[in-house]
Amino acid sequence: MELSWYILIFLGAVGGTLAGLLGIGGGIVYVLILEYTLPYEGVLSPDLHRFVIVNSLACVFFASLSANIENIRCKDFYIKSVLWLGLPASVFTILTLKFIVEQSFFSRERYDIIIVTLLLYMVYKVFRSIEIIPKDISQVSKSKLSLTGLLGGVVASLSGFGGGVVMVPIMNGFYKIDIRIAKSISLGVISITALVALIYSFYTSSIAIVPKSAVGLIFPSVVLPISVGVVIASTLATRWSSRLSPKVISWVYVTFMLLFIAKKVVEMMI
């Protein structure tokens, strides 16, 4: 059954809430929606994962952009750190798209195993950091920030999640940065990488058969209603999260990620 526009708006709001609250871009939700919806738009199975990644990144871009505008308004935006992560993230986003995602050997199922294993370790690190007094972001070296951005760019391209699922736990779990600062930086980086990936995909797509309802590789009939919910919810969630303690946000992050990992494990076993 094809999803109606108001259901897409609601589901987009769910992803937008996660973006604003946890700084992960909401791609985890968008990927699930798009995997179900895009076949109704005429996307053939062999190319489904590529269309899902690009359209998810479009939704991620709107989610992170609206959340960043709210963070800037609240003077909670860390431009220097965003750039140190964002530049390598953008480069490796493109490299991963070109040399892995666009190649015939690419399989979402194969990389899901790697990503789930990585996420389990990330969740463990965030859990261990819940009671630790956070450090200031200025104490983290530029090389560590760049490496974090690199990993975020790779995961964003492989999964369509946006990269926040690894950048937030690395900054919080490994570098002991306040999770509220980590999520703000993550959202800034996600805006950059998602935009770069979208521009790249528009001009270099190797997909032979593109449905007529698509503009480039984007399906406006799906992405636009999702993005309406995304923009509204991510702005409100960002505003709300500024009032929550780092401990509460960390517990919400750990709980949600464990539920998501459990779902992916069940899918791989079926």
Protein backbone atom coordinates (compact mmCIF):
# COMPACT_ATOMS: atom_id res chain seq x y z
CA MET A 1 0.00 0.00 0.00
CA GLU A 2 1.38 3.40 -1.02
CA LEU A 3 1.76 5.86 1.86
CA SER A 4 -0.38 9.02 1.75
CA TRP A 5 1.18 12.48 2.06
CA TYR A 6 -0.03 13.06 5.63
CA ILE A 7 1.53 9.77 6.78
CA LEU A 8 4.79 10.83 5.13
CA ILE A 9 4.62 14.18 6.96
CA PHE A 10 4.10 12.36 10.26
CA LEU A 11 6.97 9.93 9.64
CA GLY A 12 9.16 12.84 8.57
CA ALA A 13 8.35 14.50 11.89
CA VAL A 14 9.57 11.37 13.69
CA GLY A 15 12.89 11.57 11.84
CA GLY A 16 13.08 15.33 12.42
CA THR A 17 12.58 14.80 16.14
CA LEU A 18 15.51 12.38 16.24
CA ALA A 19 17.62 14.84 14.24
CA GLY A 20 16.96 17.75 16.56
CA LEU A 21 17.15 15.72 19.75
CA LEU A 22 20.09 13.42 19.04
CA GLY A 23 21.98 15.11 16.18
CA ILE A 24 21.89 12.02 13.94
CA GLY A 25 20.07 13.57 10.99
CA GLY A 26 17.08 11.23 11.18
CA GLY A 27 18.35 9.13 8.26
CA ILE A 28 17.62 5.93 10.14
CA VAL A 29 13.90 6.71 9.84
CA TYR A 30 14.03 8.07 6.27
CA VAL A 31 15.79 4.96 4.96
CA LEU A 32 13.03 2.74 6.33
CA ILE A 33 10.32 4.95 4.79
CA LEU A 34 12.03 5.13 1.41
CA GLU A 35 12.74 1.40 1.19
CA TYR A 36 8.99 0.87 1.46
CA THR A 37 7.82 3.83 -0.66
CA LEU A 38 10.18 4.07 -3.65
CA PRO A 39 9.17 0.76 -5.30
CA TYR A 40 5.69 2.33 -5.72
CA GLU A 41 7.42 5.17 -7.61
CA GLY A 42 8.82 2.70 -10.15
CA VAL A 43 12.28 2.13 -8.67
CA LEU A 44 13.62 -1.26 -9.69
CA SER A 45 15.08 -3.57 -7.05
CA PRO A 46 18.73 -3.56 -8.28
CA ASP A 47 18.90 0.24 -7.95
CA LEU A 48 16.71 0.64 -4.86
CA HIS A 49 19.55 1.10 -2.37
CA ARG A 50 21.13 3.88 -4.45
CA PHE A 51 17.86 5.80 -4.76
CA VAL A 52 17.18 5.27 -1.04
CA ILE A 53 20.57 6.70 -0.04
CA VAL A 54 20.23 9.83 -2.22
CA ASN A 55 16.62 10.58 -1.22
CA SER A 56 17.42 9.93 2.43
CA LEU A 57 20.30 12.40 2.24
CA ALA A 58 17.88 14.99 0.82
CA CYS A 59 15.66 14.58 3.89
CA VAL A 60 18.73 14.58 6.16
CA PHE A 61 19.83 17.88 4.62
CA PHE A 62 16.51 19.59 5.43
CA ALA A 63 16.49 18.13 8.95
CA SER A 64 20.02 19.24 9.78
CA LEU A 65 19.61 22.65 8.11
CA SER A 66 16.50 23.56 10.10
CA ALA A 67 18.13 22.33 13.31
CA ASN A 68 21.28 24.37 12.54
CA ILE A 69 19.24 27.51 12.02
CA GLU A 70 17.74 27.00 15.47
CA ASN A 71 21.20 26.36 16.99
CA ILE A 72 22.56 29.54 15.38
CA ARG A 73 19.58 31.48 16.73
CA CYS A 74 20.37 30.15 20.22
CA LYS A 75 24.12 30.83 19.77
CA ASP A 76 24.82 27.12 20.11
CA PHE A 77 26.67 26.60 16.82
CA TYR A 78 30.39 25.69 16.69
CA ILE A 79 31.51 26.81 13.24
CA LYS A 80 35.25 26.02 13.58
CA SER A 81 34.65 22.47 14.75
CA VAL A 82 31.97 21.98 12.08
CA LEU A 83 34.46 22.96 9.36
CA TRP A 84 37.25 20.74 10.73
CA LEU A 85 34.89 17.77 10.56
CA GLY A 86 32.91 18.89 7.51
CA LEU A 87 35.75 19.22 4.99
CA PRO A 88 37.14 15.66 5.30
CA ALA A 89 33.60 14.34 5.68
CA SER A 90 32.65 15.90 2.33
CA VAL A 91 35.71 14.50 0.53
CA PHE A 92 35.14 10.96 1.82
CA THR A 93 31.42 11.18 1.15
CA ILE A 94 32.19 11.67 -2.54
CA LEU A 95 34.96 9.04 -2.60
CA THR A 96 32.70 6.46 -0.95
CA LEU A 97 29.84 7.20 -3.36
CA LYS A 98 32.12 6.96 -6.39
CA PHE A 99 34.27 3.95 -5.53
CA ILE A 100 31.86 1.86 -3.41
CA VAL A 101 28.17 2.77 -3.61
CA GLU A 102 28.13 3.26 -7.40
CA GLN A 103 30.01 0.02 -8.09
CA SER A 104 28.28 -3.23 -9.05
CA PHE A 105 29.71 -5.09 -6.05
CA PHE A 106 28.01 -2.78 -3.56
CA SER A 107 25.40 -4.45 -1.38
CA ARG A 108 23.53 -2.77 1.48
CA GLU A 109 23.16 -6.13 3.22
CA ARG A 110 26.92 -6.70 3.21
CA TYR A 111 27.67 -3.29 4.68
CA ASP A 112 24.82 -3.52 7.19
CA ILE A 113 26.86 -6.11 9.08
CA ILE A 114 29.79 -3.72 9.34
CA ILE A 115 27.61 -0.77 10.32
CA VAL A 116 25.68 -2.71 12.98
CA THR A 117 28.94 -3.94 14.53
CA LEU A 118 30.27 -0.37 14.52
CA LEU A 119 27.08 1.02 16.07
CA LEU A 120 27.15 -1.55 18.87
CA TYR A 121 30.61 -0.38 19.87
CA MET A 122 29.59 3.27 19.58
CA VAL A 123 26.57 2.73 21.83
CA TYR A 124 28.82 1.00 24.36
CA LYS A 125 31.16 4.00 24.42
CA VAL A 126 28.29 6.46 24.89
CA PHE A 127 26.92 4.29 27.72
CA ARG A 128 30.31 4.27 29.45
CA SER A 129 30.52 8.08 29.17
CA ILE A 130 27.15 8.92 30.74
CA GLU A 131 28.57 9.56 34.22
CA ILE A 132 31.86 11.13 33.06
CA ILE A 133 32.36 14.90 33.40
CA PRO A 134 32.53 16.24 29.82
CA LYS A 135 35.52 18.06 28.34
CA ASP A 136 35.54 21.26 26.33
CA ILE A 137 35.64 20.84 22.54
CA SER A 138 38.80 23.01 22.42
CA GLN A 139 40.67 20.17 24.16
CA VAL A 140 40.18 17.87 21.15
CA SER A 141 42.92 18.06 18.50
CA LYS A 142 42.10 19.09 14.93
CA SER A 143 43.42 15.76 13.63
CA LYS A 144 40.92 13.86 15.80
CA LEU A 145 38.09 16.09 14.61
CA SER A 146 39.11 15.51 10.99
CA LEU A 147 39.23 11.73 11.51
CA THR A 148 35.75 11.86 13.02
CA GLY A 149 34.47 13.74 9.98
CA LEU A 150 36.13 11.21 7.67
CA LEU A 151 34.29 8.32 9.34
CA GLY A 152 31.04 10.26 9.32
CA GLY A 153 31.34 10.88 5.58
CA VAL A 154 31.97 7.20 4.83
CA VAL A 155 29.02 5.99 6.93
CA ALA A 156 26.74 8.69 5.47
CA SER A 157 27.40 7.45 1.94
CA LEU A 158 27.21 3.75 2.75
CA SER A 159 23.99 3.94 4.71
CA GLY A 160 22.14 7.21 3.95
CA PHE A 161 21.88 7.81 7.70
CA GLY A 162 23.76 11.11 7.57
CA GLY A 163 26.89 10.18 9.53
CA GLY A 164 25.66 11.47 12.90
CA VAL A 165 25.26 7.90 14.15
CA VAL A 166 29.05 7.66 14.38
CA MET A 167 30.13 11.31 14.85
CA VAL A 168 28.03 11.88 17.99
CA PRO A 169 29.25 8.73 19.84
CA ILE A 170 32.87 9.32 18.78
CA MET A 171 32.84 12.87 20.14
CA ASN A 172 30.90 11.91 23.27
CA GLY A 173 32.18 8.38 23.92
CA PHE A 174 35.83 8.71 22.86
CA TYR A 175 36.62 12.41 23.30
CA LYS A 176 34.28 12.93 26.30
CA ILE A 177 32.57 15.99 24.77
CA ASP A 178 29.19 17.08 26.18
CA ILE A 179 26.64 15.22 24.03
CA ARG A 180 24.69 18.47 23.46
CA ILE A 181 27.79 20.05 21.89
CA ALA A 182 28.50 16.83 19.96
CA LYS A 183 25.04 16.75 18.43
CA SER A 184 25.21 20.44 17.47
CA ILE A 185 28.52 19.90 15.66
CA SER A 186 27.19 16.72 14.05
CA LEU A 187 24.18 18.55 12.62
CA GLY A 188 26.44 21.21 11.13
CA VAL A 189 28.62 18.58 9.46
CA ILE A 190 25.60 16.62 8.21
CA SER A 191 24.30 19.70 6.36
CA ILE A 192 27.59 19.99 4.50
CA THR A 193 28.01 16.31 3.61
CA ALA A 194 24.38 15.82 2.61
CA LEU A 195 24.47 18.85 0.30
CA VAL A 196 27.76 17.74 -1.28
CA ALA A 197 26.44 14.21 -1.81
CA LEU A 198 23.24 15.49 -3.40
CA ILE A 199 25.09 17.78 -5.83
CA TYR A 200 27.47 14.96 -6.74
CA SER A 201 24.63 12.47 -7.29
CA PHE A 202 22.72 14.85 -9.57
CA TYR A 203 25.63 15.20 -11.97
CA THR A 204 27.34 11.81 -11.87
CA SER A 205 24.60 9.19 -11.52
CA SER A 206 25.40 5.85 -13.17
CA ILE A 207 21.83 4.58 -12.90
CA ALA A 208 20.53 3.72 -16.37
CA ILE A 209 16.78 3.66 -15.71
CA VAL A 210 15.36 6.63 -13.78
CA PRO A 211 11.54 6.81 -13.33
CA LYS A 212 9.83 9.82 -14.93
CA SER A 213 8.50 11.01 -11.54
CA ALA A 214 12.08 11.66 -10.35
CA VAL A 215 13.90 14.97 -10.66
CA GLY A 216 17.46 13.82 -11.11
CA LEU A 217 17.44 11.02 -8.55
CA ILE A 218 15.05 12.77 -6.15
CA PHE A 219 11.33 11.94 -5.87
CA PRO A 220 9.60 15.23 -4.87
CA SER A 221 6.28 13.44 -4.23
CA VAL A 222 7.99 11.53 -1.41
CA VAL A 223 10.79 13.83 -0.22
CA LEU A 224 8.72 17.04 0.01
CA PRO A 225 6.03 15.78 2.44
CA ILE A 226 8.67 14.02 4.53
CA SER A 227 10.68 17.26 4.61
CA VAL A 228 7.67 19.29 5.78
CA GLY A 229 7.44 17.09 8.88
CA VAL A 230 11.23 17.14 9.20
CA VAL A 231 11.58 20.92 9.25
CA ILE A 232 8.81 21.47 11.80
CA ALA A 233 9.85 18.68 14.16
CA SER A 234 13.63 19.18 14.00
CA THR A 235 13.29 22.87 14.90
CA LEU A 236 11.05 22.12 17.88
CA ALA A 237 13.18 19.14 19.02
CA THR A 238 16.37 21.21 18.85
CA ARG A 239 14.76 23.89 21.00
CA TRP A 240 13.49 21.27 23.44
CA SER A 241 16.79 19.37 23.68
CA SER A 242 18.61 22.51 24.86
CA ARG A 243 16.63 22.19 28.09
CA LEU A 244 17.55 18.55 28.68
CA SER A 245 20.58 17.37 30.64
CA PRO A 246 23.41 15.56 28.83
CA LYS A 247 22.58 12.42 30.83
CA VAL A 248 18.98 12.34 29.60
CA ILE A 249 20.02 12.85 25.96
CA SER A 250 22.65 10.10 26.32
CA TRP A 251 20.09 7.63 27.67
CA VAL A 252 17.65 8.48 24.88
CA TYR A 253 20.42 7.97 22.32
CA VAL A 254 21.47 4.60 23.79
CA THR A 255 17.88 3.36 24.00
CA PHE A 256 16.97 4.34 20.46
CA MET A 257 20.16 2.95 18.93
CA LEU A 258 19.74 -0.39 20.70
CA LEU A 259 16.20 -0.67 19.31
CA PHE A 260 17.46 0.16 15.83
CA ILE A 261 20.34 -2.33 16.05
CA ALA A 262 17.93 -5.05 17.23
CA LYS A 263 15.72 -4.37 14.22
CA LYS A 264 18.65 -4.59 11.78
CA VAL A 265 19.84 -7.84 13.36
CA VAL A 266 16.37 -9.37 13.01
CA GLU A 267 16.28 -8.29 9.33
CA MET A 268 19.67 -9.89 8.65
CA MET A 269 18.56 -13.15 10.26
CA ILE A 270 15.37 -13.46 8.20
